[in-house]
N, C-alpha and C. Protein backbone atom coordinates (compact mmCIF):
# COMPACT_ATOMS: atom_id res chain seq x y z
N MET A 1 -9.72 -34.77 37.20
CA MET A 1 -9.45 -33.64 36.76
C MET A 1 -8.50 -33.82 35.34
N ARG A 2 -7.80 -34.88 35.44
CA ARG A 2 -6.70 -34.99 34.20
C ARG A 2 -7.77 -35.16 32.79
N ASP A 3 -8.84 -35.81 33.16
CA ASP A 3 -9.92 -35.81 32.09
C ASP A 3 -10.43 -34.58 31.67
N GLU A 4 -10.84 -33.96 32.54
CA GLU A 4 -11.61 -32.51 32.15
C GLU A 4 -10.61 -31.76 31.28
N GLN A 5 -9.00 -31.55 31.94
CA GLN A 5 -8.13 -31.02 31.36
C GLN A 5 -7.87 -31.39 29.94
N HIS A 6 -7.98 -32.99 29.81
CA HIS A 6 -7.78 -33.44 28.58
C HIS A 6 -9.09 -33.37 27.40
N LYS A 7 -10.31 -32.68 27.77
CA LYS A 7 -11.53 -32.75 27.40
C LYS A 7 -11.39 -31.09 26.99
N ASN A 8 -11.02 -30.41 27.99
CA ASN A 8 -11.11 -28.59 27.50
C ASN A 8 -10.01 -28.37 26.34
N LYS A 9 -8.62 -29.17 26.41
CA LYS A 9 -7.59 -29.04 25.48
C LYS A 9 -8.11 -29.70 24.05
N SER A 10 -9.07 -30.52 24.27
CA SER A 10 -9.47 -31.31 22.86
C SER A 10 -10.55 -30.10 22.52
N SER A 11 -11.55 -29.75 22.86
CA SER A 11 -12.17 -28.58 22.66
C SER A 11 -11.98 -27.01 22.48
N SER A 12 -10.60 -26.96 22.92
CA SER A 12 -9.67 -25.73 22.47
C SER A 12 -9.22 -26.25 21.21
N GLU A 13 -8.59 -27.14 21.26
CA GLU A 13 -8.12 -27.64 19.73
C GLU A 13 -9.08 -27.47 18.42
N LEU A 14 -10.22 -28.03 18.98
CA LEU A 14 -11.27 -28.01 17.92
C LEU A 14 -11.67 -26.46 17.60
N THR A 15 -11.61 -25.84 18.27
CA THR A 15 -12.23 -24.35 18.37
C THR A 15 -11.10 -23.52 17.18
N ARG A 16 -9.62 -23.83 17.72
CA ARG A 16 -8.97 -23.21 16.73
C ARG A 16 -8.62 -23.78 15.29
N ARG A 17 -8.94 -25.41 15.07
CA ARG A 17 -8.75 -25.86 13.96
C ARG A 17 -9.96 -25.13 13.26
N THR A 18 -11.15 -25.21 13.93
CA THR A 18 -12.43 -24.69 12.92
C THR A 18 -11.98 -23.21 12.33
N PHE A 19 -11.35 -22.37 13.94
CA PHE A 19 -11.26 -21.21 13.16
C PHE A 19 -10.01 -21.11 12.06
N LEU A 20 -9.20 -21.83 11.99
CA LEU A 20 -8.11 -21.73 11.18
C LEU A 20 -8.68 -22.12 9.54
N ASP A 21 -9.62 -23.36 9.73
CA ASP A 21 -10.31 -23.77 8.45
C ASP A 21 -11.12 -22.52 7.98
N SER A 22 -11.74 -22.33 8.97
CA SER A 22 -12.57 -20.89 8.36
C SER A 22 -11.76 -19.84 7.71
N SER A 23 -10.54 -19.43 8.34
CA SER A 23 -10.03 -18.34 8.09
C SER A 23 -9.26 -18.58 6.62
N LEU A 24 -8.78 -20.02 6.42
CA LEU A 24 -8.10 -20.46 4.91
C LEU A 24 -9.25 -20.63 4.05
N LEU A 25 -10.83 -20.49 4.10
CA LEU A 25 -11.30 -20.70 3.17
C LEU A 25 -11.57 -19.46 3.15
N THR A 26 -11.87 -18.36 3.97
CA THR A 26 -12.05 -16.95 3.56
C THR A 26 -10.89 -16.34 2.97
N ILE A 27 -9.63 -16.59 2.84
CA ILE A 27 -8.56 -16.31 2.17
C ILE A 27 -8.85 -16.70 0.81
N ALA A 28 -8.98 -18.10 0.55
CA ALA A 28 -9.11 -18.84 -0.56
C ALA A 28 -9.85 -18.06 -1.51
N GLY A 29 -11.52 -17.72 -0.86
CA GLY A 29 -12.30 -17.31 -1.64
C GLY A 29 -12.01 -15.78 -1.88
N GLY A 30 -11.41 -15.02 -1.21
CA GLY A 30 -11.04 -13.67 -1.30
C GLY A 30 -9.66 -13.65 -2.64
N ALA A 31 -9.25 -14.50 -2.41
CA ALA A 31 -8.08 -14.56 -3.73
C ALA A 31 -8.83 -15.08 -4.79
N ALA A 32 -9.81 -16.04 -4.86
CA ALA A 32 -10.48 -16.30 -6.12
C ALA A 32 -11.29 -15.18 -6.67
N MET A 33 -11.96 -14.22 -5.83
CA MET A 33 -12.56 -12.96 -6.45
C MET A 33 -11.43 -12.15 -6.81
N LEU A 34 -10.42 -11.91 -5.94
CA LEU A 34 -9.59 -10.89 -6.77
C LEU A 34 -9.11 -11.39 -8.09
N MET A 35 -8.87 -12.72 -8.21
CA MET A 35 -8.61 -13.03 -9.70
C MET A 35 -9.67 -12.50 -10.45
N VAL A 36 -10.85 -13.13 -10.22
CA VAL A 36 -12.06 -12.84 -11.08
C VAL A 36 -12.04 -11.25 -11.13
N GLY A 37 -11.60 -10.51 -10.58
CA GLY A 37 -11.64 -8.84 -10.29
C GLY A 37 -10.58 -8.67 -11.44
N ILE A 38 -9.53 -9.18 -11.38
CA ILE A 38 -8.18 -8.84 -11.93
C ILE A 38 -8.54 -9.01 -13.38
N LYS A 39 -9.20 -10.21 -13.90
CA LYS A 39 -9.32 -10.94 -15.24
C LYS A 39 -10.42 -9.69 -15.86
N SER A 40 -11.35 -9.12 -15.06
CA SER A 40 -12.50 -8.35 -15.71
C SER A 40 -11.74 -7.00 -15.69
N ALA A 41 -10.85 -6.88 -15.09
CA ALA A 41 -10.21 -5.66 -15.18
C ALA A 41 -9.49 -5.44 -16.37
N ALA A 42 -8.88 -6.55 -16.75
CA ALA A 42 -8.03 -6.45 -17.83
C ALA A 42 -8.87 -5.76 -19.33
N ALA A 43 -8.83 -4.77 -19.43
CA ALA A 43 -9.67 -4.02 -20.66
C ALA A 43 -9.27 -4.69 -22.12
N LYS A 44 -9.99 -4.64 -22.92
CA LYS A 44 -9.88 -4.89 -24.26
C LYS A 44 -9.61 -3.60 -24.73
N VAL A 45 -8.46 -3.66 -25.83
CA VAL A 45 -8.30 -2.68 -26.50
C VAL A 45 -9.52 -2.35 -27.63
N SER A 46 -10.08 -1.09 -27.98
CA SER A 46 -10.81 -0.58 -28.95
C SER A 46 -10.48 -1.28 -30.57
N GLN A 47 -11.40 -1.30 -31.08
CA GLN A 47 -11.32 -1.58 -32.37
C GLN A 47 -10.48 -0.48 -33.45
N LYS A 48 -10.76 0.71 -33.24
CA LYS A 48 -9.82 1.82 -33.89
C LYS A 48 -8.44 1.83 -33.40
N SER A 49 -8.43 1.38 -31.93
CA SER A 49 -6.69 1.50 -31.61
C SER A 49 -5.86 0.55 -32.12
N VAL A 50 -6.53 -0.36 -32.81
CA VAL A 50 -5.38 -1.71 -33.66
C VAL A 50 -5.68 -1.73 -34.85
N ASN A 51 -6.35 -0.61 -35.53
CA ASN A 51 -6.55 -0.59 -36.97
C ASN A 51 -7.52 -1.89 -37.40
N TYR A 52 -8.50 -2.33 -36.72
CA TYR A 52 -9.79 -3.30 -37.07
C TYR A 52 -10.36 -3.03 -38.37
N GLN A 53 -10.38 -3.73 -39.02
CA GLN A 53 -11.14 -3.83 -40.30
C GLN A 53 -11.60 -4.98 -40.80
N ALA A 54 -13.13 -4.99 -41.16
CA ALA A 54 -14.02 -6.08 -41.37
C ALA A 54 -13.56 -7.22 -42.53
N SER A 55 -12.27 -6.48 -43.27
CA SER A 55 -11.95 -7.86 -44.32
C SER A 55 -10.55 -8.30 -44.28
N PRO A 56 -10.26 -9.48 -44.57
CA PRO A 56 -8.69 -9.62 -44.42
C PRO A 56 -7.71 -8.61 -44.97
N SER A 57 -6.59 -9.12 -44.49
CA SER A 57 -5.34 -8.30 -45.06
C SER A 57 -4.56 -9.60 -45.28
N GLY A 58 -4.35 -9.72 -46.76
CA GLY A 58 -3.73 -10.80 -47.41
C GLY A 58 -4.39 -12.11 -46.71
N GLY A 59 -3.60 -13.10 -46.61
CA GLY A 59 -3.98 -14.14 -45.93
C GLY A 59 -4.52 -14.15 -44.21
N LYS A 60 -4.20 -12.84 -43.95
CA LYS A 60 -4.56 -12.63 -42.35
C LYS A 60 -6.11 -12.41 -42.07
N LYS A 61 -6.81 -13.14 -41.29
CA LYS A 61 -7.73 -12.88 -41.03
C LYS A 61 -8.19 -13.50 -39.52
N CYS A 62 -9.23 -13.02 -38.85
CA CYS A 62 -9.47 -13.03 -37.37
C CYS A 62 -9.69 -14.92 -37.50
N ASP A 63 -10.53 -15.45 -37.91
CA ASP A 63 -10.42 -16.91 -37.78
C ASP A 63 -9.38 -17.86 -37.89
N THR A 64 -8.10 -17.05 -38.10
CA THR A 64 -7.04 -17.90 -38.24
C THR A 64 -5.98 -17.41 -36.92
N CYS A 65 -6.53 -16.25 -36.32
CA CYS A 65 -5.76 -15.81 -35.37
C CYS A 65 -5.82 -16.29 -34.09
N ALA A 66 -4.68 -16.33 -33.17
CA ALA A 66 -4.52 -17.08 -31.92
C ALA A 66 -5.75 -16.29 -30.90
N LEU A 67 -5.83 -15.07 -31.23
CA LEU A 67 -6.68 -14.37 -30.33
C LEU A 67 -8.53 -14.69 -30.51
N TYR A 68 -8.73 -15.04 -31.29
CA TYR A 68 -9.80 -15.13 -31.80
C TYR A 68 -10.69 -16.45 -31.34
N GLN A 69 -11.72 -15.86 -30.40
CA GLN A 69 -12.54 -17.19 -29.76
C GLN A 69 -13.50 -17.61 -30.46
N GLY A 70 -13.80 -17.17 -31.40
CA GLY A 70 -15.09 -17.42 -32.13
C GLY A 70 -16.30 -16.80 -31.89
N ASN A 71 -17.44 -17.22 -32.62
CA ASN A 71 -18.56 -16.40 -32.28
C ASN A 71 -18.32 -14.76 -32.34
N GLY A 72 -17.72 -14.36 -33.41
CA GLY A 72 -17.18 -12.82 -33.24
C GLY A 72 -16.64 -12.37 -31.93
N LYS A 73 -15.88 -13.02 -31.41
CA LYS A 73 -15.48 -12.46 -30.03
C LYS A 73 -13.80 -12.49 -30.22
N CYS A 74 -13.02 -11.41 -29.76
CA CYS A 74 -11.51 -11.53 -29.57
C CYS A 74 -11.20 -11.59 -28.52
N ALA A 75 -9.99 -11.93 -27.96
CA ALA A 75 -9.56 -12.16 -26.71
C ALA A 75 -8.88 -10.72 -26.49
N ALA A 76 -8.51 -9.86 -27.24
CA ALA A 76 -8.31 -8.51 -27.27
C ALA A 76 -8.77 -7.41 -27.41
N VAL A 77 -9.50 -7.43 -28.41
CA VAL A 77 -10.12 -6.54 -28.78
C VAL A 77 -11.60 -6.39 -28.61
N ASP A 78 -12.06 -5.45 -28.30
CA ASP A 78 -13.35 -4.84 -27.78
C ASP A 78 -14.40 -4.83 -29.02
N GLY A 79 -15.75 -5.28 -28.28
CA GLY A 79 -16.44 -5.65 -29.45
C GLY A 79 -16.92 -6.63 -30.25
N SER A 80 -17.76 -6.93 -31.50
CA SER A 80 -17.89 -8.12 -32.38
C SER A 80 -16.86 -7.88 -33.30
N VAL A 81 -16.30 -8.82 -33.52
CA VAL A 81 -15.46 -8.71 -34.56
C VAL A 81 -15.74 -9.89 -35.76
N SER A 82 -15.77 -9.27 -36.88
CA SER A 82 -15.90 -10.44 -38.14
C SER A 82 -14.57 -11.65 -38.51
N PRO A 83 -15.12 -13.09 -38.05
CA PRO A 83 -14.33 -13.74 -38.67
C PRO A 83 -13.31 -13.84 -39.80
N SER A 84 -13.53 -12.84 -41.01
CA SER A 84 -12.87 -12.68 -41.65
C SER A 84 -12.16 -11.22 -41.73
N GLY A 85 -12.27 -10.56 -40.35
CA GLY A 85 -11.92 -9.39 -40.16
C GLY A 85 -10.28 -9.65 -40.05
N TYR A 86 -9.82 -8.46 -39.68
CA TYR A 86 -8.17 -8.40 -39.13
C TYR A 86 -7.87 -7.11 -38.66
N CYS A 87 -6.55 -7.22 -37.61
CA CYS A 87 -6.14 -6.02 -36.94
C CYS A 87 -4.88 -5.91 -36.88
N LYS A 88 -4.03 -5.07 -36.40
CA LYS A 88 -2.58 -5.27 -36.55
C LYS A 88 -2.08 -5.74 -35.25
N LEU A 89 -3.09 -6.80 -34.19
CA LEU A 89 -3.14 -7.37 -33.16
C LEU A 89 -2.61 -9.09 -33.83
N TYR A 90 -3.11 -9.32 -34.97
CA TYR A 90 -3.11 -10.45 -35.58
C TYR A 90 -2.02 -11.75 -35.31
N ALA A 91 -2.07 -12.75 -34.68
CA ALA A 91 -0.74 -13.86 -34.18
C ALA A 91 -1.59 -15.12 -35.08
N PRO A 92 -0.77 -15.29 -35.87
CA PRO A 92 -1.25 -16.62 -36.30
C PRO A 92 -1.01 -17.98 -35.26
N LYS A 93 -2.44 -18.75 -35.61
CA LYS A 93 -2.24 -20.00 -34.31
C LYS A 93 -1.58 -20.67 -34.56
């Protein structure tokens, strides 16, 4: 009888452990999906709203800006930008 109770208890704990592991994985997966959603929801600003121009302003240009990601991409400005371009969000590297 005691072995049967021990067997049932172990079986019950395994079920709880499996349930908890599954729950934690589900929560972690949901959190990861939420973070991806938040990151994509962070909208970039339009080129017009930041007075983007395709030419530099003095020595200030996109390829020397901390927001410039290379290949015509900016972390803050929507659309393709020129490495020689400039906008009012310019932040030196």
